[in-house]
């Protein structure tokens, strides 16, 4: 009879590979968030400049 309470044997063979892949995934998500944030900042800056230019041309 099998021993009770031991559970399934740990898989340590693929542990390093799994850790590497998970870190790659985390870095990818982090990079995407950063790129999106930079893109939005640039877009907001561009829109604000357009508004500024439009308001100056309307005043003259």
Foldseek 3Di string as FASTA:
>chain_A
DDDPPPDDDDDPPCPVVVVVVVVVVVVVVVVVVVVVVVVVVVVVVVVVVVVVVVVVVVVD
